Amino acid sequence: MIQIIHNPRCSKSRDGLNFLCEQNLSHEVVEYLNNPLSVDEIKDILKKLNLSPIQLVRKNEAIWKENFKDKNLSDEEIVEALYEHPKLIERPIFIKGDKAVIGRPLENINTLL
């Protein structure tokens, strides 16, 4: 089963969910803005993505620009910012087992299949 960390208001996230449905792939949808991820879940996703916390940040979001840009933050502080402001998390994220990818571009999903 594939888990999708999903924002229904995001066109890329909707495209990713549609792809899973079109391929008849078993999946679970996690609407992370309505059901925020815990700090441990964020760290687990980062490990599966093999990314540093800053690589998961949507740096063009106003929240980031107004509160965090140009600050020298530790990885822990960035994870805390992602926890406190889930809108900052890059999306969509697809997780299968111990691997994960960000679905931008959509073709990244194929690496999990």
PDB file of N, CA and C in Angstrom:
ATOM      1  N   MET A   1       0.835  -1.183   0.000  1.00  0.00           N
ATOM      2  CA  MET A   1       0.000   0.000   0.000  1.00  0.00           C
ATOM      3  C   MET A   1       0.879   1.245   0.000  1.00  0.00           C
ATOM      4  N   ILE A   2       0.430   2.239  -0.719  1.00  0.00           N
ATOM      5  CA  ILE A   2       1.129   3.521  -0.793  1.00  0.00           C
ATOM      6  C   ILE A   2       0.361   4.539   0.040  1.00  0.00           C
ATOM      7  N   GLN A   3       1.087   5.278   0.838  1.00  0.00           N
ATOM      8  CA  GLN A   3       0.496   6.354   1.620  1.00  0.00           C
ATOM      9  C   GLN A   3       0.829   7.658   0.908  1.00  0.00           C
ATOM     10  N   ILE A   4      -0.155   8.531   0.790  1.00  0.00           N
ATOM     11  CA  ILE A   4       0.079   9.845   0.184  1.00  0.00           C
ATOM     12  C   ILE A   4      -0.180  10.919   1.236  1.00  0.00           C
ATOM     13  N   ILE A   5       0.824  11.745   1.448  1.00  0.00           N
ATOM     14  CA  ILE A   5       0.690  12.916   2.316  1.00  0.00           C
ATOM     15  C   ILE A   5       0.135  13.991   1.394  1.00  0.00           C
ATOM     16  N   HIS A   6      -1.109  14.361   1.608  1.00  0.00           N
ATOM     17  CA  HIS A   6      -1.930  15.027   0.591  1.00  0.00           C
ATOM     18  C   HIS A   6      -2.542  16.326   1.089  1.00  0.00           C
ATOM     19  N   ASN A   7      -2.550  17.305   0.179  1.00  0.00           N
ATOM     20  CA  ASN A   7      -3.291  18.545   0.385  1.00  0.00           C
ATOM     21  C   ASN A   7      -4.279  18.661  -0.781  1.00  0.00           C
ATOM     22  N   PRO A   8      -5.584  18.487  -0.532  1.00  0.00           N
ATOM     23  CA  PRO A   8      -6.547  18.509  -1.629  1.00  0.00           C
ATOM     24  C   PRO A   8      -6.623  19.840  -2.368  1.00  0.00           C
ATOM     25  N   ARG A   9      -6.081  20.907  -1.803  1.00  0.00           N
ATOM     26  CA  ARG A   9      -6.105  22.209  -2.471  1.00  0.00           C
ATOM     27  C   ARG A   9      -4.921  22.395  -3.416  1.00  0.00           C
ATOM     28  N   CYS A  10      -3.997  21.446  -3.416  1.00  0.00           N
ATOM     29  CA  CYS A  10      -2.800  21.530  -4.248  1.00  0.00           C
ATOM     30  C   CYS A  10      -3.004  20.713  -5.523  1.00  0.00           C
ATOM     31  N   SER A  11      -2.813  21.334  -6.676  1.00  0.00           N
ATOM     32  CA  SER A  11      -3.041  20.635  -7.942  1.00  0.00           C
ATOM     33  C   SER A  11      -2.068  19.469  -8.125  1.00  0.00           C
ATOM     34  N   LYS A  12      -0.822  19.617  -7.720  1.00  0.00           N
ATOM     35  CA  LYS A  12       0.149  18.525  -7.842  1.00  0.00           C
ATOM     36  C   LYS A  12      -0.237  17.357  -6.948  1.00  0.00           C
ATOM     37  N   SER A  13      -0.752  17.668  -5.782  1.00  0.00           N
ATOM     38  CA  SER A  13      -1.196  16.620  -4.863  1.00  0.00           C
ATOM     39  C   SER A  13      -2.422  15.899  -5.429  1.00  0.00           C
ATOM     40  N   ARG A  14      -3.351  16.662  -5.985  1.00  0.00           N
ATOM     41  CA  ARG A  14      -4.534  16.048  -6.617  1.00  0.00           C
ATOM     42  C   ARG A  14      -4.124  15.181  -7.800  1.00  0.00           C
ATOM     43  N   ASP A  15      -3.168  15.666  -8.593  1.00  0.00           N
ATOM     44  CA  ASP A  15      -2.670  14.881  -9.722  1.00  0.00           C
ATOM     45  C   ASP A  15      -2.073  13.560  -9.242  1.00  0.00           C
ATOM     46  N   GLY A  16      -1.326  13.609  -8.160  1.00  0.00           N
ATOM     47  CA  GLY A  16      -0.724  12.395  -7.613  1.00  0.00           C
ATOM     48  C   GLY A  16      -1.765  11.409  -7.134  1.00  0.00           C
ATOM     49  N   LEU A  17      -2.782  11.908  -6.453  1.00  0.00           N
ATOM     50  CA  LEU A  17      -3.863  11.037  -5.990  1.00  0.00           C
ATOM     51  C   LEU A  17      -4.608  10.441  -7.177  1.00  0.00           C
ATOM     52  N   ASN A  18      -4.867  11.247  -8.187  1.00  0.00           N
ATOM     53  CA  ASN A  18      -5.524  10.736  -9.397  1.00  0.00           C
ATOM     54  C   ASN A  18      -4.689   9.641 -10.054  1.00  0.00           C
ATOM     55  N   PHE A  19      -3.371   9.820 -10.086  1.00  0.00           N
ATOM     56  CA  PHE A  19      -2.485   8.810 -10.651  1.00  0.00           C
ATOM     57  C   PHE A  19      -2.644   7.485  -9.910  1.00  0.00           C
ATOM     58  N   LEU A  20      -2.636   7.536  -8.582  1.00  0.00           N
ATOM     59  CA  LEU A  20      -2.802   6.305  -7.796  1.00  0.00           C
ATOM     60  C   LEU A  20      -4.131   5.632  -8.104  1.00  0.00           C
ATOM     61  N   CYS A  21      -5.183   6.436  -8.211  1.00  0.00           N
ATOM     62  CA  CYS A  21      -6.517   5.892  -8.508  1.00  0.00           C
ATOM     63  C   CYS A  21      -6.570   5.300  -9.912  1.00  0.00           C
ATOM     64  N   GLU A  22      -6.013   6.004 -10.890  1.00  0.00           N
ATOM     65  CA  GLU A  22      -6.018   5.520 -12.276  1.00  0.00           C
ATOM     66  C   GLU A  22      -5.250   4.220 -12.429  1.00  0.00           C
ATOM     67  N   GLN A  23      -4.201   4.053 -11.630  1.00  0.00           N
ATOM     68  CA  GLN A  23      -3.389   2.841 -11.680  1.00  0.00           C
ATOM     69  C   GLN A  23      -3.964   1.724 -10.791  1.00  0.00           C
ATOM     70  N   ASN A  24      -5.094   2.019 -10.151  1.00  0.00           N
ATOM     71  CA  ASN A  24      -5.723   1.064  -9.224  1.00  0.00           C
ATOM     72  C   ASN A  24      -4.748   0.591  -8.143  1.00  0.00           C
ATOM     73  N   LEU A  25      -3.937   1.505  -7.650  1.00  0.00           N
ATOM     74  CA  LEU A  25      -2.977   1.187  -6.599  1.00  0.00           C
ATOM     75  C   LEU A  25      -3.614   1.400  -5.232  1.00  0.00           C
ATOM     76  N   SER A  26      -3.457   0.435  -4.384  1.00  0.00           N
ATOM     77  CA  SER A  26      -3.973   0.538  -3.021  1.00  0.00           C
ATOM     78  C   SER A  26      -3.248   1.680  -2.317  1.00  0.00           C
ATOM     79  N   HIS A  27      -4.014   2.567  -1.705  1.00  0.00           N
ATOM     80  CA  HIS A  27      -3.396   3.730  -1.079  1.00  0.00           C
ATOM     81  C   HIS A  27      -4.202   4.212   0.124  1.00  0.00           C
ATOM     82  N   GLU A  28      -3.509   4.961   0.945  1.00  0.00           N
ATOM     83  CA  GLU A  28      -4.108   5.620   2.104  1.00  0.00           C
ATOM     84  C   GLU A  28      -3.799   7.102   1.978  1.00  0.00           C
ATOM     85  N   VAL A  29      -4.807   7.931   2.152  1.00  0.00           N
ATOM     86  CA  VAL A  29      -4.645   9.384   2.043  1.00  0.00           C
ATOM     87  C   VAL A  29      -4.505   9.977   3.442  1.00  0.00           C
ATOM     88  N   VAL A  30      -3.459  10.762   3.637  1.00  0.00           N
ATOM     89  CA  VAL A  30      -3.262  11.496   4.888  1.00  0.00           C
ATOM     90  C   VAL A  30      -3.348  12.975   4.549  1.00  0.00           C
ATOM     91  N   GLU A  31      -4.453  13.595   4.940  1.00  0.00           N
ATOM     92  CA  GLU A  31      -4.605  15.042   4.745  1.00  0.00           C
ATOM     93  C   GLU A  31      -3.904  15.732   5.910  1.00  0.00           C
ATOM     94  N   TYR A  32      -2.627  16.013   5.698  1.00  0.00           N
ATOM     95  CA  TYR A  32      -1.761  16.475   6.777  1.00  0.00           C
ATOM     96  C   TYR A  32      -2.111  17.853   7.337  1.00  0.00           C
ATOM     97  N   LEU A  33      -2.886  18.635   6.606  1.00  0.00           N
ATOM     98  CA  LEU A  33      -3.293  19.931   7.169  1.00  0.00           C
ATOM     99  C   LEU A  33      -4.430  19.746   8.171  1.00  0.00           C
ATOM    100  N   ASN A  34      -5.270  18.732   7.963  1.00  0.00           N
ATOM    101  CA  ASN A  34      -6.360  18.436   8.892  1.00  0.00           C
ATOM    102  C   ASN A  34      -5.918  17.512  10.012  1.00  0.00           C
ATOM    103  N   ASN A  35      -4.948  16.659   9.727  1.00  0.00           N
ATOM    104  CA  ASN A  35      -4.398  15.709  10.699  1.00  0.00           C
ATOM    105  C   ASN A  35      -2.881  15.871  10.708  1.00  0.00           C
ATOM    106  N   PRO A  36      -2.391  16.895  11.411  1.00  0.00           N
ATOM    107  CA  PRO A  36      -0.960  17.212  11.350  1.00  0.00           C
ATOM    108  C   PRO A  36      -0.064  16.036  11.741  1.00  0.00           C
ATOM    109  N   LEU A  37       1.076  15.979  11.082  1.00  0.00           N
ATOM    110  CA  LEU A  37       2.076  14.962  11.374  1.00  0.00           C
ATOM    111  C   LEU A  37       2.785  15.310  12.678  1.00  0.00           C
ATOM    112  N   SER A  38       3.166  14.280  13.424  1.00  0.00           N
ATOM    113  CA  SER A  38       3.941  14.501  14.644  1.00  0.00           C
ATOM    114  C   SER A  38       5.395  14.769  14.266  1.00  0.00           C
ATOM    115  N   VAL A  39       6.168  15.229  15.218  1.00  0.00           N
ATOM    116  CA  VAL A  39       7.599  15.450  14.993  1.00  0.00           C
ATOM    117  C   VAL A  39       8.248  14.137  14.579  1.00  0.00           C
ATOM    118  N   ASP A  40       7.893  13.046  15.257  1.00  0.00           N
ATOM    119  CA  ASP A  40       8.473  11.742  14.919  1.00  0.00           C
ATOM    120  C   ASP A  40       8.077  11.292  13.519  1.00  0.00           C
ATOM    121  N   GLU A  41       6.850  11.559  13.110  1.00  0.00           N
ATOM    122  CA  GLU A  41       6.414  11.199  11.756  1.00  0.00           C
ATOM    123  C   GLU A  41       7.186  12.007  10.707  1.00  0.00           C
ATOM    124  N   ILE A  42       7.403  13.285  10.979  1.00  0.00           N
ATOM    125  CA  ILE A  42       8.183  14.118  10.052  1.00  0.00           C
ATOM    126  C   ILE A  42       9.605  13.575   9.937  1.00  0.00           C
ATOM    127  N   LYS A  43      10.213  13.234  11.067  1.00  0.00           N
ATOM    128  CA  LYS A  43      11.574  12.687  11.042  1.00  0.00           C
ATOM    129  C   LYS A  43      11.621  11.359  10.286  1.00  0.00           C
ATOM    130  N   ASP A  44      10.600  10.530  10.471  1.00  0.00           N
ATOM    131  CA  ASP A  44      10.535   9.246   9.772  1.00  0.00           C
ATOM    132  C   ASP A  44      10.416   9.461   8.265  1.00  0.00           C
ATOM    133  N   ILE A  45       9.586  10.404   7.869  1.00  0.00           N
ATOM    134  CA  ILE A  45       9.424  10.717   6.441  1.00  0.00           C
ATOM    135  C   ILE A  45      10.739  11.237   5.865  1.00  0.00           C
ATOM    136  N   LEU A  46      11.422  12.105   6.589  1.00  0.00           N
ATOM    137  CA  LEU A  46      12.713  12.622   6.125  1.00  0.00           C
ATOM    138  C   LEU A  46      13.710  11.489   5.913  1.00  0.00           C
ATOM    139  N   LYS A  47      13.716  10.534   6.821  1.00  0.00           N
ATOM    140  CA  LYS A  47      14.614   9.383   6.697  1.00  0.00           C
ATOM    141  C   LYS A  47      14.269   8.576   5.444  1.00  0.00           C
ATOM    142  N   LYS A  48      12.974   8.355   5.211  1.00  0.00           N
ATOM    143  CA  LYS A  48      12.536   7.585   4.044  1.00  0.00           C
ATOM    144  C   LYS A  48      12.818   8.334   2.746  1.00  0.00           C
ATOM    145  N   LEU A  49      12.745   9.653   2.789  1.00  0.00           N
ATOM    146  CA  LEU A  49      13.053  10.480   1.624  1.00  0.00           C
ATOM    147  C   LEU A  49      14.561  10.618   1.406  1.00  0.00           C
ATOM    148  N   ASN A  50      15.319  10.377   2.475  1.00  0.00           N
ATOM    149  CA  ASN A  50      16.760  10.597   2.467  1.00  0.00           C
ATOM    150  C   ASN A  50      17.073  12.068   2.169  1.00  0.00           C
ATOM    151  N   LEU A  51      16.354  12.945   2.870  1.00  0.00           N
ATOM    152  CA  LEU A  51      16.531  14.389   2.715  1.00  0.00           C
ATOM    153  C   LEU A  51      16.827  15.024   4.066  1.00  0.00           C
ATOM    154  N   SER A  52      17.453  16.180   4.030  1.00  0.00           N
ATOM    155  CA  SER A  52      17.618  16.975   5.239  1.00  0.00           C
ATOM    156  C   SER A  52      16.324  17.774   5.436  1.00  0.00           C
ATOM    157  N   PRO A  53      16.047  18.208   6.650  1.00  0.00           N
ATOM    158  CA  PRO A  53      14.799  18.944   6.899  1.00  0.00           C
ATOM    159  C   PRO A  53      14.588  20.154   5.990  1.00  0.00           C
ATOM    160  N   ILE A  54      15.640  20.911   5.706  1.00  0.00           N
ATOM    161  CA  ILE A  54      15.478  22.113   4.882  1.00  0.00           C
ATOM    162  C   ILE A  54      14.996  21.750   3.471  1.00  0.00           C
ATOM    163  N   GLN A  55      15.306  20.552   2.997  1.00  0.00           N
ATOM    164  CA  GLN A  55      14.892  20.140   1.661  1.00  0.00           C
ATOM    165  C   GLN A  55      13.398  19.831   1.577  1.00  0.00           C
ATOM    166  N   LEU A  56      12.745  19.717   2.715  1.00  0.00           N
ATOM    167  CA  LEU A  56      11.310  19.440   2.751  1.00  0.00           C
ATOM    168  C   LEU A  56      10.483  20.719   2.896  1.00  0.00           C
ATOM    169  N   VAL A  57      11.160  21.840   3.062  1.00  0.00           N
ATOM    170  CA  VAL A  57      10.490  23.119   3.307  1.00  0.00           C
ATOM    171  C   VAL A  57      10.064  23.782   1.999  1.00  0.00           C
ATOM    172  N   ARG A  58       8.826  24.270   2.000  1.00  0.00           N
ATOM    173  CA  ARG A  58       8.326  25.104   0.896  1.00  0.00           C
ATOM    174  C   ARG A  58       8.780  26.536   1.202  1.00  0.00           C
ATOM    175  N   LYS A  59       9.913  26.902   0.631  1.00  0.00           N
ATOM    176  CA  LYS A  59      10.556  28.171   0.985  1.00  0.00           C
ATOM    177  C   LYS A  59       9.849  29.409   0.439  1.00  0.00           C
ATOM    178  N   ASN A  60       8.911  29.239  -0.481  1.00  0.00           N
ATOM    179  CA  ASN A  60       8.179  30.389  -1.012  1.00  0.00           C
ATOM    180  C   ASN A  60       6.919  30.715  -0.220  1.00  0.00           C
ATOM    181  N   GLU A  61       6.615  29.904   0.792  1.00  0.00           N
ATOM    182  CA  GLU A  61       5.443  30.181   1.630  1.00  0.00           C
ATOM    183  C   GLU A  61       5.697  31.429   2.477  1.00  0.00           C
ATOM    184  N   ALA A  62       4.675  32.235   2.631  1.00  0.00           N
ATOM    185  CA  ALA A  62       4.786  33.467   3.425  1.00  0.00           C
ATOM    186  C   ALA A  62       5.245  33.175   4.857  1.00  0.00           C
ATOM    187  N   ILE A  63       4.740  32.087   5.424  1.00  0.00           N
ATOM    188  CA  ILE A  63       5.120  31.725   6.801  1.00  0.00           C
ATOM    189  C   ILE A  63       6.638  31.578   6.911  1.00  0.00           C
ATOM    190  N   TRP A  64       7.236  30.922   5.923  1.00  0.00           N
ATOM    191  CA  TRP A  64       8.691  30.730   5.941  1.00  0.00           C
ATOM    192  C   TRP A  64       9.401  32.073   5.779  1.00  0.00           C
ATOM    193  N   LYS A  65       8.992  32.828   4.782  1.00  0.00           N
ATOM    194  CA  LYS A  65       9.655  34.100   4.489  1.00  0.00           C
ATOM    195  C   LYS A  65       9.574  35.064   5.674  1.00  0.00           C
ATOM    196  N   GLU A  66       8.429  35.097   6.332  1.00  0.00           N
ATOM    197  CA  GLU A  66       8.217  36.060   7.411  1.00  0.00           C
ATOM    198  C   GLU A  66       8.853  35.639   8.732  1.00  0.00           C
ATOM    199  N   ASN A  67       8.984  34.337   8.960  1.00  0.00           N
ATOM    200  CA  ASN A  67       9.412  33.869  10.279  1.00  0.00           C
ATOM    201  C   ASN A  67      10.761  33.159  10.331  1.00  0.00           C
ATOM    202  N   PHE A  68      11.204  32.595   9.213  1.00  0.00           N
ATOM    203  CA  PHE A  68      12.370  31.719   9.286  1.00  0.00           C
ATOM    204  C   PHE A  68      13.476  32.028   8.287  1.00  0.00           C
ATOM    205  N   LYS A  69      13.135  32.682   7.187  1.00  0.00           N
ATOM    206  CA  LYS A  69      14.124  32.954   6.143  1.00  0.00           C
ATOM    207  C   LYS A  69      15.296  33.734   6.714  1.00  0.00           C
ATOM    208  N   ASP A  70      16.479  33.388   6.254  1.00  0.00           N
ATOM    209  CA  ASP A  70      17.721  34.055   6.651  1.00  0.00           C
ATOM    210  C   ASP A  70      18.112  33.811   8.109  1.00  0.00           C
ATOM    211  N   LYS A  71      17.433  32.871   8.777  1.00  0.00           N
ATOM    212  CA  LYS A  71      17.846  32.492  10.127  1.00  0.00           C
ATOM    213  C   LYS A  71      18.687  31.232  10.018  1.00  0.00           C
ATOM    214  N   ASN A  72      19.651  31.111  10.894  1.00  0.00           N
ATOM    215  CA  ASN A  72      20.511  29.932  10.921  1.00  0.00           C
ATOM    216  C   ASN A  72      19.866  28.896  11.839  1.00  0.00           C
ATOM    217  N   LEU A  73      19.000  28.059  11.272  1.00  0.00           N
ATOM    218  CA  LEU A  73      18.237  27.090  12.058  1.00  0.00           C
ATOM    219  C   LEU A  73      18.895  25.720  12.028  1.00  0.00           C
ATOM    220  N   SER A  74      18.831  25.043  13.161  1.00  0.00           N
ATOM    221  CA  SER A  74      19.310  23.661  13.219  1.00  0.00           C
ATOM    222  C   SER A  74      18.267  22.747  12.566  1.00  0.00           C
ATOM    223  N   ASP A  75      18.655  21.519  12.273  1.00  0.00           N
ATOM    224  CA  ASP A  75      17.699  20.560  11.721  1.00  0.00           C
ATOM    225  C   ASP A  75      16.503  20.383  12.657  1.00  0.00           C
ATOM    226  N   GLU A  76      16.779  20.326  13.935  1.00  0.00           N
ATOM    227  CA  GLU A  76      15.691  20.165  14.922  1.00  0.00           C
ATOM    228  C   GLU A  76      14.727  21.356  14.873  1.00  0.00           C
ATOM    229  N   GLU A  77      15.263  22.546  14.738  1.00  0.00           N
ATOM    230  CA  GLU A  77      14.418  23.737  14.667  1.00  0.00           C
ATOM    231  C   GLU A  77      13.584  23.746  13.388  1.00  0.00           C
ATOM    232  N   ILE A  78      14.146  23.260  12.299  1.00  0.00           N
ATOM    233  CA  ILE A  78      13.392  23.188  11.043  1.00  0.00           C
ATOM    234  C   ILE A  78      12.278  22.163  11.159  1.00  0.00           C
ATOM    235  N   VAL A  79      12.569  21.001  11.742  1.00  0.00           N
ATOM    236  CA  VAL A  79      11.534  19.986  11.949  1.00  0.00           C
ATOM    237  C   VAL A  79      10.422  20.563  12.831  1.00  0.00           C
ATOM    238  N   GLU A  80      10.791  21.297  13.848  1.00  0.00           N
ATOM    239  CA  GLU A  80       9.790  21.920  14.725  1.00  0.00           C
ATOM    240  C   GLU A  80       8.936  22.921  13.946  1.00  0.00           C
ATOM    241  N   ALA A  81       9.558  23.683  13.054  1.00  0.00           N
ATOM    242  CA  ALA A  81       8.806  24.631  12.214  1.00  0.00           C
ATOM    243  C   ALA A  81       7.827  23.879  11.307  1.00  0.00           C
ATOM    244  N   LEU A  82       8.265  22.750  10.746  1.00  0.00           N
ATOM    245  CA  LEU A  82       7.381  21.937   9.909  1.00  0.00           C
ATOM    246  C   LEU A  82       6.214  21.382  10.714  1.00  0.00           C
ATOM    247  N   TYR A  83       6.497  21.012  11.950  1.00  0.00           N
ATOM    248  CA  TYR A  83       5.455  20.502  12.843  1.00  0.00           C
ATOM    249  C   TYR A  83       4.450  21.610  13.190  1.00  0.00           C
ATOM    250  N   GLU A  84       4.961  22.771  13.546  1.00  0.00           N
ATOM    251  CA  GLU A  84       4.096  23.878  13.954  1.00  0.00           C
ATOM    252  C   GLU A  84       3.349  24.503  12.782  1.00  0.00           C
ATOM    253  N   HIS A  85       3.926  24.418  11.591  1.00  0.00           N
ATOM    254  CA  HIS A  85       3.340  25.022  10.390  1.00  0.00           C
ATOM    255  C   HIS A  85       3.335  23.984   9.254  1.00  0.00           C
ATOM    256  N   PRO A  86       2.411  23.010   9.310  1.00  0.00           N
ATOM    257  CA  PRO A  86       2.415  21.934   8.307  1.00  0.00           C
ATOM    258  C   PRO A  86       2.318  22.424   6.868  1.00  0.00           C
ATOM    259  N   LYS A  87       1.815  23.624   6.665  1.00  0.00           N
ATOM    260  CA  LYS A  87       1.722  24.184   5.316  1.00  0.00           C
ATOM    261  C   LYS A  87       3.102  24.310   4.669  1.00  0.00           C
ATOM    262  N   LEU A  88       4.146  24.322   5.487  1.00  0.00           N
ATOM    263  CA  LEU A  88       5.510  24.445   4.982  1.00  0.00           C
ATOM    264  C   LEU A  88       6.042  23.147   4.379  1.00  0.00           C
ATOM    265  N   ILE A  89       5.355  22.034   4.603  1.00  0.00           N
ATOM    266  CA  ILE A  89       5.836  20.732   4.126  1.00  0.00           C
ATOM    267  C   ILE A  89       5.585  20.602   2.628  1.00  0.00           C
ATOM    268  N   GLU A  90       6.647  20.264   1.912  1.00  0.00           N
ATOM    269  CA  GLU A  90       6.545  20.017   0.471  1.00  0.00           C
ATOM    270  C   GLU A  90       5.568  18.869   0.239  1.00  0.00           C
ATOM    271  N   ARG A  91       4.837  18.948  -0.866  1.00  0.00           N
ATOM    272  CA  ARG A  91       3.823  17.948  -1.150  1.00  0.00           C
ATOM    273  C   ARG A  91       3.692  17.728  -2.640  1.00  0.00           C
ATOM    274  N   PRO A  92       3.080  16.643  -3.000  1.00  0.00           N
ATOM    275  CA  PRO A  92       2.672  15.492  -2.187  1.00  0.00           C
ATOM    276  C   PRO A  92       3.868  14.582  -1.908  1.00  0.00           C
ATOM    277  N   ILE A  93       3.745  13.812  -0.849  1.00  0.00           N
ATOM    278  CA  ILE A  93       4.766  12.819  -0.508  1.00  0.00           C
ATOM    279  C   ILE A  93       4.112  11.448  -0.621  1.00  0.00           C
ATOM    280  N   PHE A  94       4.810  10.545  -1.279  1.00  0.00           N
ATOM    281  CA  PHE A  94       4.331   9.176  -1.441  1.00  0.00           C
ATOM    282  C   PHE A  94       5.265   8.255  -0.672  1.00  0.00           C
ATOM    283  N   ILE A  95       4.675   7.384   0.141  1.00  0.00           N
ATOM    284  CA  ILE A  95       5.451   6.497   0.998  1.00  0.00           C
ATOM    285  C   ILE A  95       5.032   5.059   0.731  1.00  0.00           C
ATOM    286  N   LYS A  96       6.030   4.219   0.543  1.00  0.00           N
ATOM    287  CA  LYS A  96       5.786   2.784   0.409  1.00  0.00           C
ATOM    288  C   LYS A  96       6.889   2.068   1.164  1.00  0.00           C
ATOM    289  N   GLY A  97       6.523   1.401   2.248  1.00  0.00           N
ATOM    290  CA  GLY A  97       7.522   0.710   3.061  1.00  0.00           C
ATOM    291  C   GLY A  97       8.511   1.682   3.649  1.00  0.00           C
ATOM    292  N   ASP A  98       9.794   1.416   3.387  1.00  0.00           N
ATOM    293  CA  ASP A  98      10.843   2.274   3.944  1.00  0.00           C
ATOM    294  C   ASP A  98      11.379   3.282   2.942  1.00  0.00           C
ATOM    295  N   LYS A  99      10.618   3.512   1.869  1.00  0.00           N
ATOM    296  CA  LYS A  99      11.008   4.479   0.843  1.00  0.00           C
ATOM    297  C   LYS A  99       9.912   5.530   0.685  1.00  0.00           C
ATOM    298  N   ALA A 100      10.315   6.713   0.258  1.00  0.00           N
ATOM    299  CA  ALA A 100       9.358   7.790   0.006  1.00  0.00           C
ATOM    300  C   ALA A 100       9.916   8.701  -1.085  1.00  0.00           C
ATOM    301  N   VAL A 101       9.011   9.381  -1.779  1.00  0.00           N
ATOM    302  CA  VAL A 101       9.402  10.372  -2.786  1.00  0.00           C
ATOM    303  C   VAL A 101       8.443  11.556  -2.706  1.00  0.00           C
ATOM    304  N   ILE A 102       8.947  12.701  -3.113  1.00  0.00           N
ATOM    305  CA  ILE A 102       8.083  13.863  -3.302  1.00  0.00           C
ATOM    306  C   ILE A 102       7.573  13.787  -4.731  1.00  0.00           C
ATOM    307  N   GLY A 103       6.275  13.927  -4.914  1.00  0.00           N
ATOM    308  CA  GLY A 103       5.646  13.754  -6.219  1.00  0.00           C
ATOM    309  C   GLY A 103       5.732  14.960  -7.126  1.00  0.00           C
ATOM    310  N   ARG A 104       6.863  15.609  -7.162  1.00  0.00           N
ATOM    311  CA  ARG A 104       7.138  16.729  -8.067  1.00  0.00           C
ATOM    312  C   ARG A 104       8.464  16.448  -8.736  1.00  0.00           C
ATOM    313  N   PRO A 105       8.509  16.019  -9.942  1.00  0.00           N
ATOM    314  CA  PRO A 105       7.397  15.772 -10.852  1.00  0.00           C
ATOM    315  C   PRO A 105       6.688  14.455 -10.528  1.00  0.00           C
ATOM    316  N   LEU A 106       5.520  14.320 -11.085  1.00  0.00           N
ATOM    317  CA  LEU A 106       4.661  13.165 -10.841  1.00  0.00           C
ATOM    318  C   LEU A 106       5.374  11.847 -11.135  1.00  0.00           C
ATOM    319  N   GLU A 107       6.268  11.850 -12.101  1.00  0.00           N
ATOM    320  CA  GLU A 107       6.978  10.633 -12.497  1.00  0.00           C
ATOM    321  C   GLU A 107       7.806  10.052 -11.351  1.00  0.00           C
ATOM    322  N   ASN A 108       8.113  10.845 -10.327  1.00  0.00           N
ATOM    323  CA  ASN A 108       8.867  10.342  -9.194  1.00  0.00           C
ATOM    324  C   ASN A 108       8.175   9.153  -8.529  1.00  0.00           C
ATOM    325  N   ILE A 109       6.852   9.104  -8.626  1.00  0.00           N
ATOM    326  CA  ILE A 109       6.099   8.014  -8.009  1.00  0.00           C
ATOM    327  C   ILE A 109       6.554   6.669  -8.558  1.00  0.00           C
ATOM    328  N   ASN A 110       6.925   6.650  -9.828  1.00  0.00           N
ATOM    329  CA  ASN A 110       7.325   5.393 -10.464  1.00  0.00           C
ATOM    330  C   ASN A 110       8.502   4.728  -9.754  1.00  0.00           C
ATOM    331  N   THR A 111       9.325   5.492  -9.046  1.00  0.00           N
ATOM    332  CA  THR A 111      10.469   4.891  -8.354  1.00  0.00           C
ATOM    333  C   THR A 111      10.018   4.028  -7.179  1.00  0.00           C
ATOM    334  N   LEU A 112       8.790   4.214  -6.719  1.00  0.00           N
ATOM    335  CA  LEU A 112       8.258   3.393  -5.625  1.00  0.00           C
ATOM    336  C   LEU A 112       7.576   2.127  -6.122  1.00  0.00           C
ATOM    337  N   LEU A 113       7.222   2.107  -7.397  1.00  0.00           N
ATOM    338  CA  LEU A 113       6.421   0.997  -7.914  1.00  0.00           C
ATOM    339  C   LEU A 113       7.277  -0.174  -8.374  1.00  0.00           C
TER     340      LEU A 113
END
